[in-house]
Each structure stands twice: as C-alpha cells, then as structure tokens.
C-alpha cells in the first residue's frame, strides 16, 4: 500500500527537524542530571554517547537514502523480517515517541513555573500545571493537524532560535570557567567509570541525541530524500555532539563553589543554566534562556507529535494495526486519524503528573530498542537488494552495523533494571495484540510461520537483555550476581551472536520484492533462493 503523504521538506527543514529533535529539553536538564550521576566526568559521557549515536546514525543514513519513507524505522524491519518483528518494534517506538511529546510539554511547563510558581511543586507539576501541560500538547496537535508544511516551517524557525541560545550560553559561561571545579569533591570522576556509562543512558544523554532520526522518520515527505536525508542526519549529529560536550563542560566549570559544596549529587536547580547565569549576575542571557526554556522543548514536542503519527500510519501500512490509521487527509497530506491517537497517548503519559526525570529513562530505552533493528536490516538488505540505489554507503557495513547493534544493547543495559523491566514487559504483553490481528485478518495468516520464525531471535534477545539487567552489576540497578565489568563483556559477546542470528533470520519479504521490482533492480542470488 502506497503512502499519500506530501513531499514538502527541503534540506534545511530536514536538518532542523533532526537538530530540533536533539536540542529540546535535553540541553536544559541533561547537563545537571549527568553531573549528578558522574560529576565532571559527565563530559566523557557526552562524548561516549555521541560516538554511540554516530554509529547508529551511519546505518540510518544509508537506509534513509535508499528507502526514504515516513515512519521508516518500522518499515525497514517489515522489509527484511516481516510483520512480527516490525510490530514488536512499532509498539516500543509508539510508546517512546508519544512519551517524548509528554516529556517536552512537561519541560515547558516546568520552566514556565519560574514565572508562574503555581504550575510546579515538590518536583512535579501541580493539577493546574497538568492542565497547562495538556494545553501545550493540544497546541502541538493543532499545528500538525493543519499541514506538515506549517509544522515543518514552524519547527525550522524555533530550531534556529533554540540553537542560538545554548551556543550563546556556552560562549558566555566559558568566560566564567573555573578549572578547579573539575577536581573538587572527589576528583574528576568521583563515582567511577560505571557512573559515566549510567549517565549516558539514564542521565538523559542518549535521550538528547536520539532526536537525529526525525529526518529519517519524515523522509517520505522530503523533496529530494536520497540526497537530503543522509546529509541532514550527518549535520544534525555532528553539530549536536560539539554543542552538548561544550554545554556540559561550561556547566561544570561555571558552577559557583557553594553549589557543589555538598557534592555533585546534591546539585538541584529547577532551571539549571538560567539559575547559574543569575548567580553569576548575567541577567540578560538568563532572561533569554528562560524564554528559550519554554520554547525549546515545545519545538521538540511539535516534531515528535509529527513523527508519532507517521509511525502509527506506517504500522497501519504494515498491516498489523487498525486500518483507519492508514487514511491521509487529501488536502493537507496529514494522517489525521493517526494524529488523534498520538494526541491521546501523549495526554495519557502526563498522568499522574510525572516529572522529566521519571519519564526519560523508559523513553530512551523504548527508542534505543527500535534502533537496534536498523543495523540488522542494513546488512540484510545488502544481501536481498544489493543493487538498490544507495546515495550514501556505510562501509564496512557489517562492522559498522555490528558496532551499532552492540551499542544499542549496552545503552539499554546502562539505563538500569527499573527502566528495562517496564519496557520489556510492555512489549512482550503487546505480542498478544499481534495474534489478535492475525486471527481476525485472513491476509495476515499467509506468511505467519515465516514471519514468526524471523522474529524468534527478537524474543530471545529481549529476554536475555532483561535477564542480564536483573542479575548484572549493581551500578545499573542489578543484583550484582555478575559484577562490572564482566556483565559488559557478556553483553558484548552475546550481542554478537544475536546480531548474526538476526541477520540470518531475515527473509525475502513481499514488501522488499515489490520495491526491487518497481525500481527494476536485479535480485541477488541469495534473495532469489
């Protein structure tokens, strides 16, 4: 089934979508959260996180140039493994993306409470703040409801402003940098290297970086996707790494001594950068940061409202969802029914008045789990459709994809058992709905056995990751039966096994066959068997 979405996004729009997805509430909160967990060594956490995401981005740069589609993160596994695998990852991605909408709206309200204190109290929004949060989410919905052009152009304007603000913050705070802060209260790494790894996942670092794939998710609405999407991904990730490393460095270095007197774990600003600027008497920039703190998360929330609806629409195109969500409004090119579901889910995640920190761990896990399939699909498509045009080729693809797969596994583990258990439990339960769809639709029964066999590795993988998280290092909320770093070695070694199992579980689906035939490409000998 072909998508009816309109192609209205250029390179600037796509880059700003990726960068706008990255520079949301992450830059406002994550530097403080990472410093709480890792102290000054949090700077390394941003470098590690950036390198991790870079390998993942390389894979998706190839995939998005080759198969530019909206909702593509769950279309790729549909092409290589069938609807059983794509369904499982779609559930995780819909949960993750729709939750981000709530996270960004909550961040907006939390910062707005600096002007309206009745919105936030005792580290969570009040009832009135919750109503404001829902109102913000409805605004995201309306901007998307009118057209993708309005949503895209609105985001471009917001992203230009919100990239300027953290850049200005870095430049100004560097003038107040105190090198002694890097070695105070326990030294540069007061909580050890495992704390740095924990900060990568549960400190909001991965959450901040993962927005790069908004350009991938909306590739089906790009004017020149094969050229612009890979470029947009590369530029968004590169700019973000430089920006976030600098932000963490100036956050640590510009803190007044009295603020770290009780230790890094006790730093607790409601509006971290803005309050530091006030303490340093830089009021003009503090005012801009406060304004940006309200606007910046909303730009990201707007993007994720767009992407969530496209994921829902793509999953309906895959056949394992309600068919009403396939419909696209002919005038605006917007999948409005899918957008309504995105709105409802986002509103649900705001109850019972959670904070930014409470949601971010589970959300990061959900999104990382869906990224794990990209490397598998990239290698599989090199076998099934070697002649499809790839404007960007990640080489050597097998090595890069293997590293990206291992990275995803480690990122999930680093987030801790409390986050891993929630995600895995929800996704495994959701498989019941898969068999409901199969039981009620005759067309899905045709390749049921083949699709399920292609997904057995995924079930085993999820159970393995959950088990290792539970019995692994106490640094990551495990029981400590297998201590650090041995748990990490086991995860890496077994991830290699799962990667090649996953690649060998792929099959030549009708979906990729249709693409190959449509483009007139030759089918590889492997695929023809």
Protein backbone atom coordinates (compact mmCIF):
# COMPACT_ATOMS: atom_id res chain seq x y z
CA UNK A 1 0.00 0.00 0.00
CA UNK A 2 1.46 3.35 -1.06
CA UNK A 3 1.68 6.39 1.18
CA UNK A 4 -0.19 9.56 0.19
CA UNK A 5 1.92 11.92 2.28
CA UNK A 6 3.06 15.12 0.55
CA UNK A 7 6.73 15.87 -0.27
CA UNK A 8 7.30 19.39 1.06
CA UNK A 9 10.52 19.30 3.17
CA UNK A 10 13.89 20.58 1.92
CA UNK A 11 17.43 20.02 3.30
CA UNK A 12 17.19 22.88 5.78
CA UNK A 13 13.83 21.64 7.05
CA UNK A 14 15.17 18.09 7.47
CA UNK A 15 18.35 19.23 9.21
CA UNK A 16 16.34 21.44 11.54
CA UNK A 17 13.98 18.53 12.22
CA UNK A 18 16.95 16.39 13.25
CA UNK A 19 18.65 19.15 15.20
CA UNK A 20 15.34 20.30 16.65
CA UNK A 21 14.65 16.76 17.80
CA UNK A 22 18.06 16.69 19.52
CA UNK A 23 18.10 20.18 21.05
CA UNK A 24 14.93 20.01 23.12
CA UNK A 25 14.64 19.68 26.88
CA UNK A 26 17.86 17.64 26.83
CA UNK A 27 20.18 20.64 26.80
CA UNK A 28 18.23 22.27 29.61
CA UNK A 29 18.21 19.34 32.05
CA UNK A 30 20.69 16.66 30.99
CA UNK A 31 23.90 18.52 31.92
CA UNK A 32 22.73 18.75 35.53
CA UNK A 33 21.43 15.17 35.63
CA UNK A 34 24.66 13.84 34.11
CA UNK A 35 26.75 15.82 36.61
CA UNK A 36 24.63 14.39 39.46
CA UNK A 37 25.48 10.88 38.29
CA UNK A 38 29.08 11.23 37.11
CA UNK A 39 30.48 14.57 38.34
CA UNK A 40 32.87 16.39 35.98
CA UNK A 41 33.46 13.11 34.10
CA UNK A 42 30.00 13.62 32.59
CA UNK A 43 31.87 15.41 29.80
CA UNK A 44 33.12 11.98 28.70
CA UNK A 45 29.57 10.64 28.91
CA UNK A 46 28.53 13.10 26.18
CA UNK A 47 31.49 12.04 24.02
CA UNK A 48 30.68 8.35 24.52
CA UNK A 49 27.00 8.97 23.84
CA UNK A 50 27.82 10.95 20.70
CA UNK A 51 30.11 8.21 19.37
CA UNK A 52 27.45 5.57 20.11
CA UNK A 53 24.77 7.50 18.29
CA UNK A 54 27.15 8.27 15.42
CA UNK A 55 27.47 4.57 14.55
CA UNK A 56 23.70 4.20 14.68
CA UNK A 57 23.30 7.31 12.53
CA UNK A 58 25.66 5.94 9.87
CA UNK A 59 23.40 2.93 9.43
CA UNK A 60 20.26 5.02 9.18
CA UNK A 61 21.91 7.45 6.79
CA UNK A 62 22.34 4.55 4.34
CA UNK A 63 18.85 3.17 4.92
CA UNK A 64 17.08 6.51 4.67
CA UNK A 65 18.79 7.43 1.40
CA UNK A 66 17.98 4.04 -0.08
CA UNK A 67 14.38 3.71 1.21
CA UNK A 68 13.06 7.16 2.11
CA UNK A 69 9.70 6.67 3.78
CA UNK A 70 7.82 8.31 6.60
CA UNK A 71 7.68 6.04 9.63
CA UNK A 72 10.68 4.26 8.16
CA UNK A 73 12.05 2.92 11.44
CA UNK A 74 9.36 0.26 11.42
CA UNK A 75 9.19 -0.09 7.64
CA UNK A 76 12.80 -1.35 7.46
CA UNK A 77 12.18 -4.44 9.66
CA UNK A 78 8.98 -5.03 7.67
CA UNK A 79 11.10 -5.28 4.53
CA UNK A 80 13.63 -7.72 5.99
CA UNK A 81 11.88 -9.71 8.73
CA UNK A 82 8.15 -9.35 8.15
CA UNK A 83 5.34 -8.04 10.30
CA UNK A 84 6.09 -9.94 13.54
CA UNK A 85 9.37 -8.08 14.15
CA UNK A 86 8.10 -4.76 12.77
CA UNK A 87 5.07 -4.96 15.06
CA UNK A 88 7.16 -5.51 18.22
CA UNK A 89 9.39 -2.56 17.42
CA UNK A 90 6.45 -0.39 16.40
CA UNK A 91 4.91 -0.87 19.85
CA UNK A 92 8.15 0.25 21.52
CA UNK A 93 8.54 3.20 19.16
CA UNK A 94 4.96 4.40 19.52
CA UNK A 95 5.36 4.25 23.30
CA UNK A 96 8.70 6.04 23.12
CA UNK A 97 7.77 8.78 20.67
CA UNK A 98 4.38 9.60 22.16
CA UNK A 99 6.02 9.78 25.61
CA UNK A 100 8.53 12.33 24.30
CA UNK A 101 5.61 14.62 23.47
CA UNK A 102 4.60 14.48 27.12
CA UNK A 103 8.20 14.93 28.31
CA UNK A 104 8.69 18.09 26.26
CA UNK A 105 5.35 19.55 27.32
CA UNK A 106 6.23 18.83 30.96
CA UNK A 107 9.61 20.51 30.48
CA UNK A 108 7.90 23.57 29.02
CA UNK A 109 5.56 23.82 31.99
CA UNK A 110 8.37 23.19 34.49
CA UNK A 111 10.32 26.13 33.11
CA UNK A 112 7.22 28.27 32.81
CA UNK A 113 6.79 27.78 36.56
CA UNK A 114 9.69 30.20 37.01
CA UNK A 115 7.14 32.85 36.01
CA UNK A 116 4.05 31.02 37.31
CA UNK A 117 5.08 29.15 40.51
CA UNK A 118 1.68 27.52 40.93
CA UNK A 119 2.43 25.23 37.96
CA UNK A 120 5.12 23.19 39.72
CA UNK A 121 5.68 22.00 43.30
CA UNK A 122 7.66 19.25 45.08
CA UNK A 123 9.47 18.17 41.88
CA UNK A 124 6.30 17.59 39.86
CA UNK A 125 3.60 19.60 38.16
CA UNK A 126 0.53 20.62 40.14
CA UNK A 127 -3.03 19.96 39.00
CA UNK A 128 -3.11 23.37 37.33
CA UNK A 129 0.29 22.62 35.82
CA UNK A 130 -1.09 19.35 34.46
CA UNK A 131 -3.93 21.24 32.75
CA UNK A 132 -1.35 23.60 31.25
CA UNK A 133 0.66 20.59 30.08
CA UNK A 134 -2.35 19.16 28.28
CA UNK A 135 -2.97 22.55 26.69
CA UNK A 136 0.60 22.65 25.35
CA UNK A 137 0.17 19.16 23.85
CA UNK A 138 -3.05 20.25 22.15
CA UNK A 139 -1.13 23.13 20.53
CA UNK A 140 1.41 20.61 19.14
CA UNK A 141 -1.55 18.66 17.78
CA UNK A 142 -3.21 21.64 16.10
CA UNK A 143 -0.02 22.82 14.37
CA UNK A 144 0.36 19.32 12.92
CA UNK A 145 -3.32 18.99 12.10
CA UNK A 146 -3.28 21.92 9.68
CA UNK A 147 -0.39 20.64 7.50
CA UNK A 148 3.15 19.24 7.50
CA UNK A 149 4.31 22.47 5.85
CA UNK A 150 3.13 24.55 8.81
CA UNK A 151 4.63 22.11 11.33
CA UNK A 152 7.93 21.92 9.43
CA UNK A 153 8.35 25.66 8.90
CA UNK A 154 7.33 26.41 12.49
CA UNK A 155 9.96 23.98 13.72
CA UNK A 156 12.66 25.49 11.47
CA UNK A 157 12.08 28.94 12.97
CA UNK A 158 12.03 27.58 16.54
CA UNK A 159 15.17 25.46 15.99
CA UNK A 160 17.21 28.39 14.68
CA UNK A 161 16.34 30.31 17.87
CA UNK A 162 16.89 27.40 20.25
CA UNK A 163 20.27 26.54 18.69
CA UNK A 164 21.39 30.14 19.09
CA UNK A 165 20.55 30.20 22.81
CA UNK A 166 22.70 27.25 24.01
CA UNK A 167 25.51 28.43 21.73
CA UNK A 168 25.42 31.87 23.35
CA UNK A 169 25.28 30.20 26.77
CA UNK A 170 28.45 28.24 26.02
CA UNK A 171 30.35 31.32 24.81
CA UNK A 172 29.36 33.46 27.81
CA UNK A 173 29.90 30.81 30.50
CA UNK A 174 33.35 29.99 29.15
CA UNK A 175 34.34 33.47 30.38
CA UNK A 176 33.39 32.35 33.90
CA UNK A 177 35.06 28.95 33.73
CA UNK A 178 36.76 27.75 36.93
CA UNK A 179 39.17 24.84 36.20
CA UNK A 180 39.27 23.94 39.91
CA UNK A 181 35.68 22.66 39.65
CA UNK A 182 36.91 19.74 37.57
CA UNK A 183 38.77 18.22 40.54
CA UNK A 184 36.62 19.27 43.51
CA UNK A 185 34.66 16.91 45.78
CA UNK A 186 36.01 13.51 44.84
CA UNK A 187 38.07 14.39 41.80
CA UNK A 188 37.22 14.33 38.11
CA UNK A 189 35.33 11.01 38.29
CA UNK A 190 34.01 10.86 41.88
CA UNK A 191 31.64 7.94 41.20
CA UNK A 192 33.88 5.90 38.89
CA UNK A 193 33.61 4.97 35.22
CA UNK A 194 30.40 2.89 35.57
CA UNK A 195 28.66 6.09 36.65
CA UNK A 196 29.77 7.70 33.39
CA UNK A 197 28.13 4.85 31.47
CA UNK A 198 24.97 5.13 33.56
CA UNK A 199 24.83 8.84 32.77
CA UNK A 200 24.94 8.07 29.04
CA UNK A 201 21.64 6.20 29.21
CA UNK A 202 19.69 7.25 32.30
CA UNK A 203 21.18 10.74 32.62
CA UNK A 204 19.29 11.98 29.58
CA UNK A 205 22.28 11.95 27.22
CA UNK A 206 21.02 9.29 24.84
CA UNK A 207 17.56 10.82 25.12
CA UNK A 208 19.02 14.12 23.95
CA UNK A 209 20.89 12.65 20.97
CA UNK A 210 18.22 10.30 19.67
CA UNK A 211 16.21 13.05 18.05
CA UNK A 212 18.51 12.89 14.98
CA UNK A 213 16.28 10.35 13.28
CA UNK A 214 13.36 12.75 12.84
CA UNK A 215 14.77 13.43 9.37
CA UNK A 216 14.69 9.66 8.78
CA UNK A 217 11.14 9.31 10.04
CA UNK A 218 9.88 12.05 7.73
CA UNK A 219 11.94 11.04 4.67
CA UNK A 220 8.76 10.20 2.79
CA UNK A 221 7.83 13.89 2.89
CA UNK A 222 11.19 15.19 1.64
CA UNK A 223 11.54 16.83 -1.78
CA UNK A 224 14.89 15.16 -2.50
CA UNK A 225 15.18 12.41 0.12
CA UNK A 226 18.04 10.36 -1.34
CA UNK A 227 20.39 13.34 -1.16
CA UNK A 228 18.99 15.41 1.70
CA UNK A 229 18.14 12.85 4.38
CA UNK A 230 21.66 11.37 4.84
CA UNK A 231 23.12 14.89 4.81
CA UNK A 232 20.58 16.09 7.35
CA UNK A 233 21.34 13.18 9.69
CA UNK A 234 25.11 13.76 9.50
CA UNK A 235 24.87 17.51 10.08
CA UNK A 236 22.40 17.19 12.96
CA UNK A 237 24.51 14.62 14.85
CA UNK A 238 27.81 16.43 14.25
CA UNK A 239 26.53 19.80 15.44
CA UNK A 240 24.84 18.22 18.46
CA UNK A 241 27.97 16.43 19.70
CA UNK A 242 30.01 19.63 19.66
CA UNK A 243 27.23 21.62 21.33
CA UNK A 244 26.48 19.16 24.13
CA UNK A 245 30.11 18.50 25.07
CA UNK A 246 30.64 22.25 25.37
CA UNK A 247 27.45 22.69 27.41
CA UNK A 248 28.48 20.00 29.91
CA UNK A 249 31.94 21.49 30.24
CA UNK A 250 30.70 25.02 30.96
CA UNK A 251 28.00 23.71 33.32
CA UNK A 252 30.63 22.03 35.49
CA UNK A 253 33.18 24.81 35.17
CA UNK A 254 30.87 27.76 35.85
CA UNK A 255 29.14 26.43 38.99
CA UNK A 256 29.79 28.71 41.99
CA UNK A 257 31.76 26.81 44.71
CA UNK A 258 28.88 26.92 47.20
CA UNK A 259 26.66 25.00 44.79
CA UNK A 260 28.94 21.94 44.78
CA UNK A 261 29.93 22.13 48.45
CA UNK A 262 27.62 19.21 49.34
CA UNK A 263 28.76 17.11 46.40
CA UNK A 264 27.73 16.62 42.78
CA UNK A 265 24.72 14.51 43.62
CA UNK A 266 23.09 17.38 45.51
CA UNK A 267 23.03 19.96 42.73
CA UNK A 268 19.36 20.66 42.15
CA UNK A 269 18.33 23.63 40.03
CA UNK A 270 14.83 23.87 38.62
CA UNK A 271 16.23 25.76 35.61
CA UNK A 272 19.95 24.81 35.65
CA UNK A 273 21.61 27.13 33.12
CA UNK A 274 19.30 30.06 33.74
CA UNK A 275 19.84 29.93 37.51
CA UNK A 276 23.62 29.66 37.11
CA UNK A 277 23.54 32.77 34.91
CA UNK A 278 21.54 34.59 37.59
CA UNK A 279 24.05 33.56 40.27
CA UNK A 280 26.79 34.99 38.04
CA UNK A 281 24.78 38.20 37.50
CA UNK A 282 24.43 37.66 33.76
CA UNK A 283 20.77 38.64 33.78
CA UNK A 284 20.32 39.48 30.10
CA UNK A 285 21.27 35.97 28.97
CA UNK A 286 19.33 34.38 31.83
CA UNK A 287 16.20 36.09 30.51
CA UNK A 288 16.84 34.65 27.03
CA UNK A 289 17.48 31.16 28.46
CA UNK A 290 14.26 31.32 30.48
CA UNK A 291 12.37 32.23 27.31
CA UNK A 292 14.15 29.53 25.33
CA UNK A 293 13.41 27.02 28.08
CA UNK A 294 9.72 27.46 27.39
CA UNK A 295 10.08 27.48 23.59
CA UNK A 296 12.83 24.88 23.03
CA UNK A 297 11.08 21.80 24.45
CA UNK A 298 7.93 22.75 22.57
CA UNK A 299 9.80 22.68 19.29
CA UNK A 300 10.83 19.10 20.00
CA UNK A 301 7.37 18.18 21.23
CA UNK A 302 5.93 19.51 17.97
CA UNK A 303 8.34 17.32 15.96
CA UNK A 304 7.52 14.20 17.94
CA UNK A 305 3.81 14.76 17.52
CA UNK A 306 4.54 14.67 13.78
CA UNK A 307 6.75 11.58 13.92
CA UNK A 308 4.46 9.58 16.23
CA UNK A 309 1.56 9.98 13.82
CA UNK A 310 3.80 8.83 10.94
CA UNK A 311 4.90 5.75 12.91
CA UNK A 312 1.26 4.86 13.57
CA UNK A 313 0.46 5.44 9.90
CA UNK A 314 3.44 3.29 8.81
CA UNK A 315 2.44 0.47 11.14
CA UNK A 316 -1.03 0.52 9.61
CA UNK A 317 0.60 0.28 6.18
CA UNK A 318 2.47 -2.76 7.51
CA UNK A 319 -0.93 -4.37 8.12
CA UNK A 320 -0.66 -5.01 11.87
CA UNK A 321 -2.78 -2.16 13.18
CA UNK A 322 -6.24 -0.73 12.71
CA UNK A 323 -6.78 0.26 9.08
CA UNK A 324 -8.36 3.60 9.91
CA UNK A 325 -4.87 4.96 10.69
CA UNK A 326 -3.78 4.44 7.07
CA UNK A 327 -6.03 7.28 5.95
CA UNK A 328 -4.38 10.55 4.95
CA UNK A 329 -6.27 13.81 4.52
CA UNK A 330 -6.02 14.64 0.81
CA UNK A 331 -5.96 18.41 1.24
CA UNK A 332 -3.27 18.66 3.94
CA UNK A 333 -1.39 15.39 3.41
CA UNK A 334 -1.68 14.70 7.15
CA UNK A 335 -2.66 11.29 8.62
CA UNK A 336 -5.22 12.88 10.89
CA UNK A 337 -6.61 9.72 12.50
CA UNK A 338 -3.07 8.71 13.45
CA UNK A 339 -2.53 12.22 14.77
CA UNK A 340 -5.58 11.90 17.02
CA UNK A 341 -4.17 8.69 18.51
CA UNK A 342 -0.81 10.45 19.06
CA UNK A 343 -2.63 13.17 20.98
CA UNK A 344 -4.49 10.68 23.18
CA UNK A 345 -1.32 8.71 24.01
CA UNK A 346 0.65 11.86 24.82
CA UNK A 347 -2.08 13.01 27.20
CA UNK A 348 -2.08 9.62 28.92
CA UNK A 349 1.68 9.81 29.62
CA UNK A 350 1.23 13.07 31.57
CA UNK A 351 -0.69 11.30 34.35
CA UNK A 352 -0.23 11.08 37.28
CA UNK A 353 1.80 14.27 36.89
CA UNK A 354 5.28 12.78 36.31
CA UNK A 355 8.49 14.78 36.10
CA UNK A 356 11.01 14.94 33.25
CA UNK A 357 13.45 12.65 35.08
CA UNK A 358 10.86 9.95 35.73
CA UNK A 359 9.87 9.54 32.09
CA UNK A 360 13.18 9.93 30.31
CA UNK A 361 14.73 6.56 31.25
CA UNK A 362 11.90 4.38 29.97
CA UNK A 363 11.50 6.51 26.86
CA UNK A 364 15.20 6.31 25.98
CA UNK A 365 15.04 2.53 26.31
CA UNK A 366 12.00 2.24 24.07
CA UNK A 367 13.62 4.27 21.31
CA UNK A 368 17.03 2.55 21.58
CA UNK A 369 15.32 -0.85 21.29
CA UNK A 370 13.82 0.21 17.97
CA UNK A 371 17.19 1.50 16.72
CA UNK A 372 18.67 -1.95 17.24
CA UNK A 373 16.90 -3.34 14.14
CA UNK A 374 18.39 -0.78 11.74
CA UNK A 375 21.87 -2.37 11.66
CA UNK A 376 20.29 -5.80 11.14
CA UNK A 377 18.12 -4.54 8.27
CA UNK A 378 21.01 -2.68 6.64
CA UNK A 379 23.13 -5.84 6.37
CA UNK A 380 20.14 -7.94 5.32
CA UNK A 381 19.25 -5.52 2.52
CA UNK A 382 22.81 -5.67 1.19
CA UNK A 383 22.06 -9.38 0.58
CA UNK A 384 18.46 -9.13 -0.63
CA UNK A 385 18.67 -5.97 -2.70
CA UNK A 386 22.32 -5.18 -3.42
CA UNK A 387 21.51 -3.08 -6.48
CA UNK A 388 19.10 -0.64 -4.87
CA UNK A 389 20.48 2.88 -5.26
CA UNK A 390 22.32 3.98 -2.11
CA UNK A 391 23.41 7.64 -2.29
CA UNK A 392 25.34 7.04 0.92
CA UNK A 393 27.00 3.72 1.74
CA UNK A 394 28.32 2.98 5.23
CA UNK A 395 31.47 0.90 4.80
CA UNK A 396 32.36 -1.63 6.03
CA UNK A 397 28.64 -2.13 6.59
CA UNK A 398 28.87 -5.37 8.59
CA UNK A 399 31.37 -3.97 11.09
CA UNK A 400 29.58 -0.63 11.47
CA UNK A 401 26.23 -2.39 11.90
CA UNK A 402 27.65 -4.85 14.43
CA UNK A 403 29.09 -1.99 16.49
CA UNK A 404 25.77 -0.13 16.32
CA UNK A 405 23.88 -3.25 17.46
CA UNK A 406 26.24 -3.78 20.41
CA UNK A 407 25.96 -0.11 21.30
CA UNK A 408 22.16 -0.35 21.42
CA UNK A 409 22.38 -3.40 23.71
CA UNK A 410 24.74 -1.64 26.11
CA UNK A 411 22.68 1.54 26.16
CA UNK A 412 19.60 -0.42 27.20
CA UNK A 413 21.54 -2.15 29.98
CA UNK A 414 23.07 1.09 31.26
CA UNK A 415 19.62 2.58 31.82
CA UNK A 416 19.01 0.22 34.74
CA UNK A 417 16.65 -2.61 35.67
CA UNK A 418 13.76 -0.30 36.63
CA UNK A 419 13.60 1.03 33.07
CA UNK A 420 14.45 -2.21 31.26
CA UNK A 421 11.80 -4.23 33.09
CA UNK A 422 8.99 -1.82 32.23
CA UNK A 423 9.82 -1.72 28.53
CA UNK A 424 10.37 -5.45 28.04
CA UNK A 425 7.23 -6.37 29.99
CA UNK A 426 5.04 -3.99 27.98
CA UNK A 427 6.46 -5.17 24.65
CA UNK A 428 6.09 -8.86 25.46
CA UNK A 429 2.48 -8.36 26.57
CA UNK A 430 1.83 -6.43 23.37
CA UNK A 431 2.54 -9.57 21.35
CA UNK A 432 -0.91 -10.77 22.38
CA UNK A 433 -2.39 -7.98 20.27
CA UNK A 434 -0.32 -9.17 17.30
CA UNK A 435 -2.01 -12.56 17.35
CA UNK A 436 -5.37 -10.83 17.69
CA UNK A 437 -4.77 -9.01 14.40
CA UNK A 438 -3.59 -12.22 12.73
CA UNK A 439 -6.65 -14.13 13.97
CA UNK A 440 -9.05 -11.51 12.59
CA UNK A 441 -7.41 -10.95 9.17
CA UNK A 442 -7.03 -13.74 6.65
CA UNK A 443 -4.36 -11.91 4.62
CA UNK A 444 -2.02 -11.96 7.63
CA UNK A 445 -2.19 -15.73 8.02
CA UNK A 446 -0.42 -16.36 4.70
CA UNK A 447 3.18 -16.00 5.92
CA UNK A 448 2.54 -16.28 9.67
CA UNK A 449 5.00 -19.12 10.22
CA UNK A 450 7.76 -17.44 8.22
CA UNK A 451 7.25 -14.09 9.98
CA UNK A 452 7.24 -15.62 13.46
CA UNK A 453 10.38 -17.68 12.71
CA UNK A 454 12.08 -14.45 11.61
CA UNK A 455 11.28 -12.95 15.00
CA UNK A 456 12.22 -15.72 17.43
CA UNK A 457 15.65 -14.14 17.85
CA UNK A 458 13.99 -10.89 18.98
CA UNK A 459 12.01 -12.58 21.75
CA UNK A 460 15.16 -14.36 22.95
CA UNK A 461 17.14 -11.12 22.70
CA UNK A 462 14.65 -9.19 24.82
CA UNK A 463 14.57 -11.92 27.47
CA UNK A 464 18.38 -12.05 27.51
CA UNK A 465 18.73 -8.27 27.93
CA UNK A 466 16.14 -8.33 30.73
CA UNK A 467 17.94 -11.21 32.50
CA UNK A 468 21.35 -9.51 32.27
CA UNK A 469 19.89 -6.26 33.56
CA UNK A 470 18.38 -8.11 36.53
CA UNK A 471 21.44 -10.16 37.56
CA UNK A 472 24.09 -7.73 36.35
CA UNK A 473 26.09 -5.01 38.07
CA UNK A 474 24.65 -3.03 40.96
CA UNK A 475 25.94 0.06 39.16
CA UNK A 476 22.99 -0.44 36.78
CA UNK A 477 20.42 -1.49 39.41
CA UNK A 478 21.12 -5.22 39.05
CA UNK A 479 21.53 -7.80 41.82
CA UNK A 480 25.28 -7.90 41.32
CA UNK A 481 25.41 -11.65 40.65
CA UNK A 482 27.58 -10.83 37.63
CA UNK A 483 29.65 -7.82 38.53
CA UNK A 484 31.03 -4.99 36.40
CA UNK A 485 32.86 -5.21 34.01
CA UNK A 486 32.18 -8.93 33.42
CA UNK A 487 28.50 -8.25 32.76
CA UNK A 488 29.52 -5.85 30.00
CA UNK A 489 31.82 -8.44 28.38
CA UNK A 490 28.99 -10.98 28.40
CA UNK A 491 26.58 -8.47 26.86
CA UNK A 492 29.04 -7.66 24.08
CA UNK A 493 29.85 -11.29 23.26
CA UNK A 494 26.25 -12.48 23.28
CA UNK A 495 25.16 -9.40 21.28
CA UNK A 496 27.49 -10.54 18.50
CA UNK A 497 25.69 -13.89 18.44
CA UNK A 498 22.27 -12.22 18.38
CA UNK A 499 23.33 -9.87 15.58
CA UNK A 500 24.29 -12.66 13.19
CA UNK A 501 21.28 -14.71 14.28
CA UNK A 502 19.06 -11.74 13.45
CA UNK A 503 20.68 -11.19 10.05
CA UNK A 504 20.33 -14.87 9.18
CA UNK A 505 16.68 -14.81 10.30
CA UNK A 506 15.78 -12.27 7.62
CA UNK A 507 13.79 -13.44 4.60
CA UNK A 508 12.93 -12.04 1.19
CA UNK A 509 9.58 -10.47 2.01
CA UNK A 510 6.87 -9.49 -0.45
CA UNK A 511 7.40 -5.86 0.59
CA UNK A 512 11.04 -5.69 -0.49
CA UNK A 513 10.30 -7.78 -3.56
CA UNK A 514 7.77 -5.14 -4.62
CA UNK A 515 10.35 -2.37 -4.14
CA UNK A 516 13.00 -4.22 -6.13
CA UNK A 517 10.62 -4.99 -9.00
CA UNK A 518 9.30 -1.44 -9.06
CA UNK A 519 12.79 0.03 -9.41
CA UNK A 520 13.92 -2.54 -11.96
CA UNK A 521 16.81 -3.73 -9.83
CA UNK A 522 18.26 -7.21 -10.05
CA UNK A 523 17.52 -9.61 -7.24
CA UNK A 524 20.59 -11.13 -5.63
CA UNK A 525 21.15 -14.83 -5.87
CA UNK A 526 20.71 -15.02 -2.11
CA UNK A 527 17.28 -13.39 -2.28
CA UNK A 528 16.14 -15.45 -5.23
CA UNK A 529 16.59 -18.72 -3.39
